[in-house]
Amino acid sequence: MSTDLVKTYILNRSSEDIKLSLVIGGIEQTGASLITLGEDLLLKDHPGDLHQYVIGQNNNLHKKVLNIITVITDISPNHNDTDLYVLLEGGFVAKGYKMQEKVQPGDSAVYTVEITFYQF
């Protein structure tokens, strides 16, 4: 699997919140994320998982771009796998994406995500 993800997320025509969750791998993985929406910095150096963080509302995200950079470090002596699960909720449907990368012992993987919001 790749550490780069480019997707479109379909919005509905409501004022419902769009929520972002990030799950950083399994046990013995650490990570930090930088999240921007267009030119706006939402989170910087956010440690670990992120649960249902409100990005904005359906009716004000059309054509905006969400960028996420997450650095995950493998600290396990048992494996060299890293992974990131990205979940968006509140739009037309919930969408989840799993990304994986094998690294050398103690190394890090950089995951980049670009999601463009679109409303029909």
C-alpha atoms as a PDB file:
ATOM      1  CA  MET A   1       0.000   0.000   0.000  1.00  0.00           C
ATOM      2  CA  SER A   2       1.015   3.593  -0.445  1.00  0.00           C
ATOM      3  CA  THR A   3       1.784   6.345   2.023  1.00  0.00           C
ATOM      4  CA  ASP A   4       0.184   8.931  -0.296  1.00  0.00           C
ATOM      5  CA  LEU A   5      -3.573   9.285  -0.616  1.00  0.00           C
ATOM      6  CA  VAL A   6      -5.503  11.689  -2.864  1.00  0.00           C
ATOM      7  CA  LYS A   7      -9.303  11.456  -2.731  1.00  0.00           C
ATOM      8  CA  THR A   8     -12.536  13.404  -3.139  1.00  0.00           C
ATOM      9  CA  TYR A   9     -15.089  13.351  -0.335  1.00  0.00           C
ATOM     10  CA  ILE A  10     -18.710  13.942  -1.335  1.00  0.00           C
ATOM     11  CA  LEU A  11     -20.692  16.280   0.890  1.00  0.00           C
ATOM     12  CA  ASN A  12     -24.437  16.407   1.382  1.00  0.00           C
ATOM     13  CA  ARG A  13     -26.577  19.546   1.425  1.00  0.00           C
ATOM     14  CA  SER A  14     -26.883  19.891   5.187  1.00  0.00           C
ATOM     15  CA  SER A  15     -25.232  21.852   7.955  1.00  0.00           C
ATOM     16  CA  GLU A  16     -24.083  18.599   9.579  1.00  0.00           C
ATOM     17  CA  ASP A  17     -20.485  18.510  10.819  1.00  0.00           C
ATOM     18  CA  ILE A  18     -17.786  16.675   8.880  1.00  0.00           C
ATOM     19  CA  LYS A  19     -15.627  14.728  11.330  1.00  0.00           C
ATOM     20  CA  LEU A  20     -12.121  13.371  10.848  1.00  0.00           C
ATOM     21  CA  SER A  21     -10.614  10.466  12.759  1.00  0.00           C
ATOM     22  CA  LEU A  22      -7.044   9.192  12.466  1.00  0.00           C
ATOM     23  CA  VAL A  23      -5.913   5.901  13.948  1.00  0.00           C
ATOM     24  CA  ILE A  24      -2.181   5.391  14.135  1.00  0.00           C
ATOM     25  CA  GLY A  25      -1.322   1.760  13.674  1.00  0.00           C
ATOM     26  CA  GLY A  26      -1.381  -0.871  16.295  1.00  0.00           C
ATOM     27  CA  ILE A  27       0.614  -1.174  19.436  1.00  0.00           C
ATOM     28  CA  GLU A  28       4.211  -0.009  19.429  1.00  0.00           C
ATOM     29  CA  GLN A  29       3.702   2.748  16.876  1.00  0.00           C
ATOM     30  CA  THR A  30       3.823   6.435  17.690  1.00  0.00           C
ATOM     31  CA  GLY A  31       2.901   9.340  15.492  1.00  0.00           C
ATOM     32  CA  ALA A  32       2.141  13.023  15.113  1.00  0.00           C
ATOM     33  CA  SER A  33      -0.020  14.838  12.581  1.00  0.00           C
ATOM     34  CA  LEU A  34      -0.191  18.236  10.903  1.00  0.00           C
ATOM     35  CA  ILE A  35      -3.640  19.069   9.497  1.00  0.00           C
ATOM     36  CA  THR A  36      -4.610  22.022   7.322  1.00  0.00           C
ATOM     37  CA  LEU A  37      -7.797  23.044   5.531  1.00  0.00           C
ATOM     38  CA  GLY A  38      -6.864  25.277   2.633  1.00  0.00           C
ATOM     39  CA  GLU A  39      -4.622  27.958   4.134  1.00  0.00           C
ATOM     40  CA  ASP A  40      -5.898  27.385   7.677  1.00  0.00           C
ATOM     41  CA  LEU A  41      -3.842  25.404  10.184  1.00  0.00           C
ATOM     42  CA  LEU A  42      -6.183  23.119  12.126  1.00  0.00           C
ATOM     43  CA  LEU A  43      -3.737  21.042  14.183  1.00  0.00           C
ATOM     44  CA  LYS A  44       0.049  21.041  14.475  1.00  0.00           C
ATOM     45  CA  ASP A  45       2.085  18.198  15.986  1.00  0.00           C
ATOM     46  CA  HIS A  46      -1.066  16.437  17.212  1.00  0.00           C
ATOM     47  CA  PRO A  47       0.182  13.327  19.051  1.00  0.00           C
ATOM     48  CA  GLY A  48      -1.363   9.909  18.446  1.00  0.00           C
ATOM     49  CA  ASP A  49      -4.910   9.144  17.386  1.00  0.00           C
ATOM     50  CA  LEU A  50      -7.528  11.760  16.583  1.00  0.00           C
ATOM     51  CA  HIS A  51     -11.196  11.043  17.256  1.00  0.00           C
ATOM     52  CA  GLN A  52     -14.075  12.764  15.436  1.00  0.00           C
ATOM     53  CA  TYR A  53     -12.373  16.127  15.032  1.00  0.00           C
ATOM     54  CA  VAL A  54     -14.814  18.590  13.418  1.00  0.00           C
ATOM     55  CA  ILE A  55     -13.398  19.926  10.129  1.00  0.00           C
ATOM     56  CA  GLY A  56     -16.421  22.091   9.282  1.00  0.00           C
ATOM     57  CA  GLN A  57     -19.964  21.753   8.008  1.00  0.00           C
ATOM     58  CA  ASN A  58     -21.154  20.185   4.758  1.00  0.00           C
ATOM     59  CA  ASN A  59     -22.527  23.460   3.440  1.00  0.00           C
ATOM     60  CA  ASN A  60     -19.247  25.397   3.847  1.00  0.00           C
ATOM     61  CA  LEU A  61     -16.592  22.917   2.675  1.00  0.00           C
ATOM     62  CA  HIS A  62     -17.341  22.751  -1.073  1.00  0.00           C
ATOM     63  CA  LYS A  63     -14.051  22.699  -3.062  1.00  0.00           C
ATOM     64  CA  LYS A  64     -11.902  23.088   0.059  1.00  0.00           C
ATOM     65  CA  VAL A  65      -8.850  20.853   0.391  1.00  0.00           C
ATOM     66  CA  LEU A  66      -7.908  18.998   3.570  1.00  0.00           C
ATOM     67  CA  ASN A  67      -4.216  18.104   3.887  1.00  0.00           C
ATOM     68  CA  ILE A  68      -2.837  15.724   6.492  1.00  0.00           C
ATOM     69  CA  ILE A  69       0.803  14.845   7.094  1.00  0.00           C
ATOM     70  CA  THR A  70       1.339  12.118   9.674  1.00  0.00           C
ATOM     71  CA  VAL A  71       4.742  10.772  10.684  1.00  0.00           C
ATOM     72  CA  ILE A  72       4.572   7.316  12.245  1.00  0.00           C
ATOM     73  CA  THR A  73       7.548   5.723  13.973  1.00  0.00           C
ATOM     74  CA  ASP A  74       7.836   1.989  14.537  1.00  0.00           C
ATOM     75  CA  ILE A  75       9.151   1.272  18.026  1.00  0.00           C
ATOM     76  CA  SER A  76       8.358  -2.447  18.046  1.00  0.00           C
ATOM     77  CA  PRO A  77      11.103  -5.039  18.325  1.00  0.00           C
ATOM     78  CA  ASN A  78       8.638  -7.583  16.872  1.00  0.00           C
ATOM     79  CA  HIS A  79       7.768  -6.032  13.502  1.00  0.00           C
ATOM     80  CA  ASN A  80       8.591  -3.111  11.198  1.00  0.00           C
ATOM     81  CA  ASP A  81       5.070  -2.260  10.051  1.00  0.00           C
ATOM     82  CA  THR A  82       3.394   1.137  10.277  1.00  0.00           C
ATOM     83  CA  ASP A  83      -0.142   1.998   9.284  1.00  0.00           C
ATOM     84  CA  LEU A  84      -2.645   4.827   9.336  1.00  0.00           C
ATOM     85  CA  TYR A  85      -6.426   4.648   9.114  1.00  0.00           C
ATOM     86  CA  VAL A  86      -8.237   7.804   7.973  1.00  0.00           C
ATOM     87  CA  LEU A  87     -12.011   8.097   8.505  1.00  0.00           C
ATOM     88  CA  LEU A  88     -14.337  10.886   7.343  1.00  0.00           C
ATOM     89  CA  GLU A  89     -17.935  11.004   8.585  1.00  0.00           C
ATOM     90  CA  GLY A  90     -20.900  13.322   8.169  1.00  0.00           C
ATOM     91  CA  GLY A  91     -20.981  13.706   4.397  1.00  0.00           C
ATOM     92  CA  PHE A  92     -22.894  11.702   1.818  1.00  0.00           C
ATOM     93  CA  VAL A  93     -21.389   8.470   3.240  1.00  0.00           C
ATOM     94  CA  ALA A  94     -18.672   7.647   5.751  1.00  0.00           C
ATOM     95  CA  LYS A  95     -15.383   6.790   4.036  1.00  0.00           C
ATOM     96  CA  GLY A  96     -12.362   5.052   5.528  1.00  0.00           C
ATOM     97  CA  TYR A  97      -8.905   4.533   4.060  1.00  0.00           C
ATOM     98  CA  LYS A  98      -6.111   2.314   5.353  1.00  0.00           C
ATOM     99  CA  MET A  99      -2.502   3.073   4.459  1.00  0.00           C
ATOM    100  CA  GLN A 100       0.527   0.898   5.297  1.00  0.00           C
ATOM    101  CA  GLU A 101       4.296   1.012   5.018  1.00  0.00           C
ATOM    102  CA  LYS A 102       7.040  -1.300   6.198  1.00  0.00           C
ATOM    103  CA  VAL A 103      10.107   0.508   7.588  1.00  0.00           C
ATOM    104  CA  GLN A 104      13.528  -0.387   8.907  1.00  0.00           C
ATOM    105  CA  PRO A 105      13.704  -1.018  12.686  1.00  0.00           C
ATOM    106  CA  GLY A 106      13.138   2.258  14.535  1.00  0.00           C
ATOM    107  CA  ASP A 107      12.495   4.268  11.359  1.00  0.00           C
ATOM    108  CA  SER A 108       9.522   6.445  10.460  1.00  0.00           C
ATOM    109  CA  ALA A 109       7.089   6.599   7.571  1.00  0.00           C
ATOM    110  CA  VAL A 110       5.552   9.852   6.329  1.00  0.00           C
ATOM    111  CA  TYR A 111       1.901   9.594   5.294  1.00  0.00           C
ATOM    112  CA  THR A 112       0.380  12.360   3.191  1.00  0.00           C
ATOM    113  CA  VAL A 113      -3.348  12.740   2.585  1.00  0.00           C
ATOM    114  CA  GLU A 114      -5.116  15.241   0.336  1.00  0.00           C
ATOM    115  CA  ILE A 115      -8.904  15.228   0.346  1.00  0.00           C
ATOM    116  CA  THR A 116     -10.969  17.624  -1.731  1.00  0.00           C
ATOM    117  CA  PHE A 117     -14.518  18.203  -0.532  1.00  0.00           C
ATOM    118  CA  TYR A 118     -17.163  18.360  -3.219  1.00  0.00           C
ATOM    119  CA  GLN A 119     -20.912  18.999  -3.104  1.00  0.00           C
ATOM    120  CA  PHE A 120     -23.228  18.217  -6.015  1.00  0.00           C
END
